[in-house]
Amino acid sequence: MNEAMLWTILFVTSATVIYVYAGYPLALTLLQPLAAKSSRREDTYAPSVTLIIPAYNEALVIQKKIENSLGLDYPRERLEIIVSSDGSNDGTNEIVRQYEASGVILRAFTPRAGKISVLNLSIPEAIGDIIVLCDANVMFRPDVLRRLMPHFADPEVGAVTGDVRIQSEDAPFGEGEGLYYKYERLIQLQESRLGSTVTVDGGLYALRRELFHQLPTDTILDDFVIGMNVAIAGRRVLYDPSAVATENATIDVWQEFHRKVRIVAGAFRELLRGHGVPRPRQIQLFWSYLSHKLLRWLVPWCLLVIFGCTLSLAWLRGFADVATAFLTIQLVFYACALIGCTRPNARWPAIIGVPFYFCMINTAAWIGSLRGLTGIEKVTWNKASR
């Protein structure tokens, strides 16, 4: 490959990475005053709600989660609480049954079949007009439903997601993870103002019951596909930063790494199927899907090409020009990440923690893309400890 071709490939891949992390958020910001859409909110709007808590062996947290749910500031007669247990065998079901007198419903399914299977079975039986989905280890602020429900007074709104804040102070990669989530929330807010966000947080989101469509039982990235299906159906998907919940950070780096691998594997599985992929004529939605999701999933491949091109150019030019400088910057960045790998569960300062987290999630995305394309990722897995 000649030098001109190497420079061209380097420029294209570098521009792609810069666009994903900086160009797209900047474009969203510039478009805000030109195309921002408001939604009609009615603060007193209180539709019937079914809160569904999928659970697999959640004995350590399920009591706290149920108490948290029963303490929500919402009319109790308009709130149904269902715990959908997916083959739990650690005492989760017995704990839930202690709250049946308080109106908590246990749906116990066996054998274990995966989260989407219990959702496929539980949502059609729900009585609420609005379905709220969450994780068992995510704790809501009391006013969460009061924040989410007013959006549904607008018939154009089909789903709303909230701000699940990671309690990362004690996490080994707290600096990197905290920065990443703040960045993600900003993008979600900007997308919402333009039309729809393409990301809902599986830890806290609500949708109209009639907009849920059953998914294949081997679906891994269920929250993403469910949210995208709402948007593809022509309804808006919004992010409300005032609807707050908290979740503990993953305490082990390798568990978080495997979780990220699984997320991207699920994303590529659905991409190959065409599930959750908007049509180009849905301009904002398609642009956001391409920029926020698809290109983001391809960043690891771009990073490999960038490194290979800069190394080749530096070699061809005798390590004496701008290619060498660019190569040096990459080597320093990756060296900081490798230092983090020496003690992956240590809490590093930002100069180490941020490169380590960036490289960790992109390495996971690279492996996840391979697993998704080959179809070897399983629908059930050992969840990360938080």
Protein backbone atom coordinates (compact mmCIF):
# COMPACT_ATOMS: atom_id res chain seq x y z
CA MET A 1 0.00 0.00 0.00
CA ASN A 2 1.47 3.35 -1.04
CA GLU A 3 1.93 6.35 1.23
CA ALA A 4 -0.95 8.38 -0.26
CA MET A 5 -3.38 5.55 0.39
CA LEU A 6 -2.16 5.22 3.99
CA TRP A 7 -2.72 8.95 4.56
CA THR A 8 -6.21 8.73 3.07
CA ILE A 9 -7.20 5.78 5.27
CA LEU A 10 -5.69 7.49 8.31
CA PHE A 11 -7.62 10.67 7.61
CA VAL A 12 -10.95 8.89 7.10
CA THR A 13 -10.69 6.69 10.21
CA SER A 14 -9.40 9.53 12.39
CA ALA A 15 -12.18 11.81 11.18
CA THR A 16 -14.71 9.08 12.00
CA VAL A 17 -13.49 8.75 15.59
CA ILE A 18 -13.38 12.54 16.05
CA TYR A 19 -16.88 12.85 14.62
CA VAL A 20 -18.27 10.15 16.93
CA TYR A 21 -16.87 11.63 20.14
CA ALA A 22 -16.79 15.35 19.33
CA GLY A 23 -18.37 16.20 15.98
CA TYR A 24 -21.75 14.60 16.65
CA PRO A 25 -22.26 16.21 20.09
CA LEU A 26 -21.18 19.54 18.62
CA ALA A 27 -23.63 19.19 15.73
CA LEU A 28 -26.42 18.39 18.19
CA THR A 29 -25.57 21.52 20.17
CA LEU A 30 -25.57 23.74 17.09
CA LEU A 31 -28.94 22.38 15.97
CA GLN A 32 -30.68 22.95 19.30
CA PRO A 33 -31.94 26.50 18.61
CA LEU A 34 -32.91 25.61 15.04
CA ALA A 35 -34.85 22.39 15.44
CA ALA A 36 -35.61 21.85 19.11
CA LYS A 37 -39.05 20.28 19.74
CA SER A 38 -40.98 20.76 22.94
CA SER A 39 -43.35 18.21 24.44
CA ARG A 40 -46.62 18.82 26.21
CA ARG A 41 -46.38 18.03 29.90
CA GLU A 42 -49.20 17.91 32.41
CA ASP A 43 -47.81 17.74 35.93
CA THR A 44 -51.05 16.27 37.30
CA TYR A 45 -51.26 13.52 34.67
CA ALA A 46 -51.27 10.16 36.49
CA PRO A 47 -52.06 7.20 34.21
CA SER A 48 -52.20 3.64 35.52
CA VAL A 49 -48.69 2.21 35.80
CA THR A 50 -47.25 -1.28 36.00
CA LEU A 51 -43.72 -1.47 37.38
CA ILE A 52 -42.04 -4.70 36.23
CA ILE A 53 -38.86 -5.82 37.96
CA PRO A 54 -37.15 -8.69 36.11
CA ALA A 55 -35.08 -10.69 38.60
CA TYR A 56 -32.68 -13.59 38.53
CA ASN A 57 -31.19 -14.57 41.91
CA GLU A 58 -31.56 -11.12 43.44
CA ALA A 59 -31.95 -12.22 47.07
CA LEU A 60 -29.34 -9.67 48.19
CA VAL A 61 -31.24 -6.66 46.85
CA ILE A 62 -34.84 -7.63 46.12
CA GLN A 63 -36.20 -6.68 49.56
CA LYS A 64 -34.62 -3.24 49.33
CA LYS A 65 -35.97 -2.87 45.79
CA ILE A 66 -39.52 -3.79 46.82
CA GLU A 67 -39.42 -1.40 49.78
CA ASN A 68 -38.13 1.28 47.42
CA SER A 69 -40.98 0.59 44.97
CA LEU A 70 -43.66 0.63 47.66
CA GLY A 71 -42.32 3.99 48.82
CA LEU A 72 -42.81 5.73 45.48
CA ASP A 73 -44.81 8.96 45.56
CA TYR A 74 -47.61 7.81 43.27
CA PRO A 75 -51.26 6.87 43.88
CA ARG A 76 -51.05 3.28 45.13
CA GLU A 77 -54.34 2.33 43.46
CA ARG A 78 -52.83 3.31 40.10
CA LEU A 79 -49.56 1.42 40.59
CA GLU A 80 -49.13 -2.31 39.98
CA ILE A 81 -45.81 -3.87 41.05
CA ILE A 82 -44.71 -7.13 39.45
CA VAL A 83 -41.51 -9.06 40.15
CA SER A 84 -40.83 -11.36 37.21
CA SER A 85 -38.46 -14.03 38.46
CA ASP A 86 -36.49 -15.82 35.76
CA GLY A 87 -35.74 -19.20 37.31
CA SER A 88 -34.41 -17.75 40.59
CA ASN A 89 -33.28 -20.41 43.07
CA ASP A 90 -31.56 -18.35 45.79
CA GLY A 91 -34.58 -17.39 47.86
CA THR A 92 -35.64 -14.42 45.74
CA ASN A 93 -39.16 -15.80 45.25
CA GLU A 94 -39.66 -16.43 48.96
CA ILE A 95 -38.70 -12.85 49.78
CA VAL A 96 -41.12 -11.47 47.19
CA ARG A 97 -43.97 -13.59 48.55
CA GLN A 98 -43.61 -11.84 51.90
CA TYR A 99 -44.91 -8.69 50.18
CA GLU A 100 -47.94 -10.20 48.46
CA ALA A 101 -50.17 -8.74 51.20
CA SER A 102 -48.86 -5.31 50.17
CA GLY A 103 -50.00 -5.92 46.61
CA VAL A 104 -46.69 -7.03 45.12
CA ILE A 105 -47.22 -9.69 42.45
CA LEU A 106 -44.73 -12.51 41.87
CA ARG A 107 -44.51 -14.05 38.43
CA ALA A 108 -42.16 -16.99 38.84
CA PHE A 109 -40.96 -18.60 35.60
CA THR A 110 -38.97 -21.81 35.22
CA PRO A 111 -36.67 -22.86 33.77
CA ARG A 112 -34.46 -19.80 33.34
CA ALA A 113 -34.91 -18.46 29.80
CA GLY A 114 -33.54 -14.92 29.83
CA LYS A 115 -34.84 -11.44 30.57
CA ILE A 116 -36.70 -10.90 27.31
CA SER A 117 -38.63 -14.14 27.81
CA VAL A 118 -40.06 -12.97 31.14
CA LEU A 119 -40.88 -9.57 29.63
CA ASN A 120 -42.69 -11.23 26.74
CA LEU A 121 -44.81 -13.12 29.26
CA SER A 122 -45.27 -10.40 31.88
CA ILE A 123 -46.07 -7.27 29.90
CA PRO A 124 -49.21 -8.64 28.18
CA GLU A 125 -50.62 -9.47 31.62
CA ALA A 126 -49.94 -6.01 33.03
CA ILE A 127 -52.93 -3.78 33.73
CA GLY A 128 -51.14 -0.42 33.59
CA ASP A 129 -51.40 1.82 30.54
CA ILE A 130 -47.74 2.66 31.07
CA ILE A 131 -45.09 0.01 31.67
CA VAL A 132 -42.05 0.97 33.76
CA LEU A 133 -39.05 -1.34 33.43
CA CYS A 134 -36.05 -1.40 35.71
CA ASP A 135 -33.33 -3.58 37.21
CA ALA A 136 -33.57 -5.08 40.68
CA ASN A 137 -30.46 -3.23 41.89
CA VAL A 138 -31.62 0.22 40.69
CA MET A 139 -33.19 2.34 43.40
CA PHE A 140 -35.65 5.09 42.43
CA ARG A 141 -36.02 8.47 44.02
CA PRO A 142 -39.57 8.74 45.43
CA ASP A 143 -40.67 11.24 42.76
CA VAL A 144 -39.51 9.21 39.73
CA LEU A 145 -42.99 8.36 38.46
CA ARG A 146 -44.18 11.91 39.09
CA ARG A 147 -41.36 13.02 36.81
CA LEU A 148 -41.86 10.46 34.05
CA MET A 149 -45.64 10.25 33.72
CA PRO A 150 -46.45 13.92 32.80
CA HIS A 151 -44.66 13.37 29.47
CA PHE A 152 -47.26 10.79 28.46
CA ALA A 153 -49.96 13.48 28.41
CA ASP A 154 -48.47 14.22 24.98
CA PRO A 155 -49.73 11.55 22.55
CA GLU A 156 -46.55 11.94 20.49
CA VAL A 157 -44.45 10.61 23.38
CA GLY A 158 -44.10 6.83 23.42
CA ALA A 159 -41.31 6.26 25.94
CA VAL A 160 -39.30 8.17 28.52
CA THR A 161 -36.03 7.18 30.16
CA GLY A 162 -34.47 8.60 33.30
CA ASP A 163 -31.06 9.34 34.77
CA VAL A 164 -29.60 6.25 36.42
CA ARG A 165 -26.61 7.58 38.31
CA ILE A 166 -23.73 5.22 38.89
CA GLN A 167 -22.39 5.32 42.45
CA SER A 168 -18.80 5.05 41.26
CA GLU A 169 -16.85 6.65 44.10
CA ASP A 170 -15.48 3.27 45.20
CA ALA A 171 -15.28 1.69 41.76
CA PRO A 172 -11.84 0.97 40.30
CA PHE A 173 -12.63 2.95 37.13
CA GLY A 174 -14.88 5.55 38.74
CA GLU A 175 -13.28 8.53 36.98
CA GLY A 176 -13.62 7.07 33.51
CA GLU A 177 -17.08 5.62 34.04
CA GLY A 178 -18.39 8.80 35.66
CA LEU A 179 -17.12 10.95 32.78
CA TYR A 180 -18.57 8.53 30.22
CA TYR A 181 -22.04 8.59 31.75
CA LYS A 182 -22.12 12.39 32.00
CA TYR A 183 -21.17 12.54 28.32
CA GLU A 184 -23.88 10.00 27.41
CA ARG A 185 -26.58 11.87 29.33
CA LEU A 186 -25.75 15.12 27.55
CA ILE A 187 -26.15 13.43 24.17
CA GLN A 188 -29.45 11.83 25.22
CA LEU A 189 -30.81 15.19 26.32
CA GLN A 190 -29.82 16.88 23.07
CA GLU A 191 -31.31 14.07 20.97
CA SER A 192 -34.55 14.29 22.94
CA ARG A 193 -34.86 17.98 22.27
CA LEU A 194 -34.46 17.38 18.54
CA GLY A 195 -36.91 14.49 18.41
CA SER A 196 -35.97 11.16 19.97
CA THR A 197 -33.01 9.73 21.79
CA VAL A 198 -31.76 6.38 20.52
CA THR A 199 -30.76 5.17 23.97
CA VAL A 200 -32.93 4.19 26.91
CA ASP A 201 -31.36 3.08 30.17
CA GLY A 202 -32.51 -0.44 31.00
CA GLY A 203 -32.34 0.53 34.66
CA LEU A 204 -35.20 3.01 34.32
CA TYR A 205 -37.55 3.62 31.41
CA ALA A 206 -41.27 3.77 30.74
CA LEU A 207 -43.30 3.10 27.60
CA ARG A 208 -46.90 2.83 26.50
CA ARG A 209 -48.03 -0.77 26.88
CA GLU A 210 -49.47 -0.94 23.36
CA LEU A 211 -46.08 -0.01 21.88
CA PHE A 212 -44.35 -3.09 23.26
CA HIS A 213 -43.94 -5.86 20.72
CA GLN A 214 -42.67 -9.27 21.71
CA LEU A 215 -39.09 -9.94 20.69
CA PRO A 216 -37.25 -13.17 19.83
CA THR A 217 -36.32 -15.07 22.98
CA ASP A 218 -32.60 -14.85 22.15
CA THR A 219 -32.65 -11.04 22.14
CA ILE A 220 -29.82 -9.74 24.33
CA LEU A 221 -30.05 -5.95 24.02
CA ASP A 222 -33.75 -5.80 24.87
CA ASP A 223 -33.91 -2.24 26.24
CA PHE A 224 -32.29 -0.80 23.12
CA VAL A 225 -34.57 -2.68 20.71
CA ILE A 226 -37.71 -1.92 22.74
CA GLY A 227 -36.86 1.79 22.80
CA MET A 228 -35.95 1.92 19.13
CA ASN A 229 -39.17 0.12 18.16
CA VAL A 230 -41.13 2.88 19.90
CA ALA A 231 -39.26 5.55 17.94
CA ILE A 232 -39.53 3.65 14.65
CA ALA A 233 -43.30 3.49 15.23
CA GLY A 234 -43.32 7.29 15.03
CA ARG A 235 -43.47 8.14 18.74
CA ARG A 236 -40.89 10.21 20.54
CA VAL A 237 -38.46 8.68 23.03
CA LEU A 238 -37.36 11.25 25.60
CA TYR A 239 -34.72 11.52 28.30
CA ASP A 240 -35.72 13.34 31.49
CA PRO A 241 -32.73 14.17 33.74
CA SER A 242 -35.03 14.99 36.64
CA ALA A 243 -36.18 11.34 36.91
CA VAL A 244 -33.31 10.02 39.01
CA ALA A 245 -32.34 6.55 40.19
CA THR A 246 -29.08 5.18 41.57
CA GLU A 247 -27.11 2.03 40.90
CA ASN A 248 -23.87 0.79 42.40
CA ALA A 249 -20.93 0.56 40.05
CA THR A 250 -19.55 -2.83 39.07
CA ILE A 251 -16.98 -3.81 41.69
CA ASP A 252 -14.84 -5.94 39.41
CA VAL A 253 -13.32 -4.71 36.14
CA TRP A 254 -13.51 -8.07 34.41
CA GLN A 255 -17.19 -8.44 35.19
CA GLU A 256 -17.80 -5.00 33.69
CA PHE A 257 -15.65 -5.95 30.71
CA HIS A 258 -17.77 -9.03 30.03
CA ARG A 259 -20.94 -6.96 30.43
CA LYS A 260 -19.72 -4.52 27.76
CA VAL A 261 -18.80 -7.41 25.46
CA ARG A 262 -22.32 -8.77 25.85
CA ILE A 263 -23.95 -5.39 25.11
CA VAL A 264 -22.10 -4.94 21.82
CA ALA A 265 -22.56 -8.59 20.86
CA GLY A 266 -26.29 -8.07 21.32
CA ALA A 267 -26.16 -4.88 19.28
CA PHE A 268 -24.53 -6.59 16.31
CA ARG A 269 -26.97 -9.50 16.53
CA GLU A 270 -29.88 -7.09 16.21
CA LEU A 271 -28.10 -5.12 13.48
CA LEU A 272 -27.79 -8.27 11.36
CA ARG A 273 -31.47 -8.98 11.91
CA GLY A 274 -32.46 -5.43 11.13
CA HIS A 275 -34.22 -5.07 14.49
CA GLY A 276 -34.29 -1.58 15.92
CA VAL A 277 -32.80 -0.07 12.76
CA PRO A 278 -34.64 3.09 11.66
CA ARG A 279 -35.43 3.97 8.07
CA PRO A 280 -33.34 6.71 6.37
CA ARG A 281 -36.48 8.80 5.83
CA GLN A 282 -36.72 9.15 9.61
CA ILE A 283 -33.99 11.73 9.30
CA GLN A 284 -33.16 12.66 12.90
CA LEU A 285 -33.63 9.13 14.18
CA PHE A 286 -31.51 7.57 11.43
CA TRP A 287 -28.77 10.19 11.86
CA SER A 288 -28.68 9.66 15.62
CA TYR A 289 -28.68 5.86 15.25
CA LEU A 290 -25.79 6.06 12.79
CA SER A 291 -23.77 8.58 14.82
CA HIS A 292 -24.52 7.58 18.40
CA LYS A 293 -24.70 3.82 17.95
CA LEU A 294 -23.46 2.22 14.74
CA LEU A 295 -20.31 4.31 14.31
CA ARG A 296 -19.61 4.07 18.05
CA TRP A 297 -19.67 0.26 17.77
CA LEU A 298 -17.16 0.51 14.89
CA VAL A 299 -14.69 2.78 16.75
CA PRO A 300 -12.48 -0.14 17.94
CA TRP A 301 -11.88 -1.17 14.36
CA CYS A 302 -11.04 2.42 13.45
CA LEU A 303 -8.55 2.62 16.33
CA LEU A 304 -6.77 -0.50 15.08
CA VAL A 305 -6.56 0.92 11.56
CA ILE A 306 -5.33 4.29 12.86
CA PHE A 307 -2.54 2.66 14.83
CA GLY A 308 -1.52 0.46 11.91
CA CYS A 309 -1.48 3.39 9.46
CA THR A 310 0.52 5.70 11.73
CA LEU A 311 3.04 2.95 12.47
CA SER A 312 3.46 2.26 8.74
CA LEU A 313 3.80 5.96 7.87
CA ALA A 314 6.29 6.57 10.67
CA TRP A 315 8.33 3.61 9.44
CA LEU A 316 8.27 4.82 5.84
CA ARG A 317 9.35 8.33 6.87
CA GLY A 318 12.10 7.24 9.21
CA PHE A 319 10.23 8.23 12.39
CA ALA A 320 10.86 11.90 11.76
CA ASP A 321 7.61 13.73 10.98
CA VAL A 322 3.99 14.29 12.03
CA ALA A 323 3.13 10.60 11.71
CA THR A 324 5.74 9.83 14.35
CA ALA A 325 4.29 12.49 16.65
CA PHE A 326 0.80 11.03 16.21
CA LEU A 327 2.16 7.53 16.86
CA THR A 328 3.89 8.76 20.02
CA ILE A 329 0.65 10.26 21.35
CA GLN A 330 -1.12 6.94 20.82
CA LEU A 331 1.69 4.98 22.47
CA VAL A 332 1.62 7.22 25.55
CA PHE A 333 -2.17 6.93 25.80
CA TYR A 334 -2.12 3.14 25.46
CA ALA A 335 0.81 2.90 27.88
CA CYS A 336 -1.31 4.67 30.50
CA ALA A 337 -4.07 2.16 29.82
CA LEU A 338 -1.61 -0.74 30.19
CA ILE A 339 -0.45 0.65 33.54
CA GLY A 340 -4.08 0.45 34.59
CA CYS A 341 -4.14 -3.20 33.52
CA THR A 342 -1.37 -4.05 35.98
CA ARG A 343 -3.84 -3.46 38.81
CA PRO A 344 -7.24 -3.43 37.11
CA ASN A 345 -9.23 -3.20 40.33
CA ALA A 346 -7.16 -0.37 41.79
CA ARG A 347 -8.55 3.16 41.83
CA TRP A 348 -6.26 5.11 39.53
CA PRO A 349 -6.07 8.90 39.03
CA ALA A 350 -7.73 10.25 35.88
CA ILE A 351 -4.48 10.24 33.85
CA ILE A 352 -4.50 6.44 34.14
CA GLY A 353 -8.18 5.76 34.86
CA VAL A 354 -9.62 7.53 31.80
CA PRO A 355 -7.33 5.84 29.19
CA PHE A 356 -7.84 2.52 30.96
CA TYR A 357 -11.65 2.83 30.88
CA PHE A 358 -11.64 4.05 27.26
CA CYS A 359 -9.48 1.15 26.12
CA MET A 360 -11.43 -1.33 28.23
CA ILE A 361 -14.79 -0.43 26.70
CA ASN A 362 -13.40 -0.34 23.17
CA THR A 363 -11.61 -3.66 23.54
CA ALA A 364 -14.87 -5.09 24.85
CA ALA A 365 -16.71 -3.57 21.88
CA TRP A 366 -14.23 -5.15 19.46
CA ILE A 367 -14.67 -8.60 21.00
CA GLY A 368 -18.42 -8.05 21.26
CA SER A 369 -18.65 -7.22 17.57
CA LEU A 370 -16.94 -10.50 16.71
CA ARG A 371 -19.21 -12.47 19.04
CA GLY A 372 -22.28 -10.72 17.69
CA LEU A 373 -21.34 -11.29 14.07
CA THR A 374 -20.64 -14.97 14.69
CA GLY A 375 -23.78 -15.42 16.83
CA ILE A 376 -22.06 -17.20 19.72
CA GLU A 377 -23.28 -14.93 22.56
CA LYS A 378 -25.85 -16.65 24.80
CA VAL A 379 -29.05 -14.98 25.98
CA THR A 380 -28.42 -15.91 29.65
CA TRP A 381 -25.30 -14.92 31.53
CA ASN A 382 -23.74 -14.46 34.96
CA LYS A 383 -24.66 -10.91 35.90
CA ALA A 384 -22.03 -8.50 37.19
CA SER A 385 -21.86 -7.88 40.94
CA ARG A 386 -22.70 -4.30 41.90
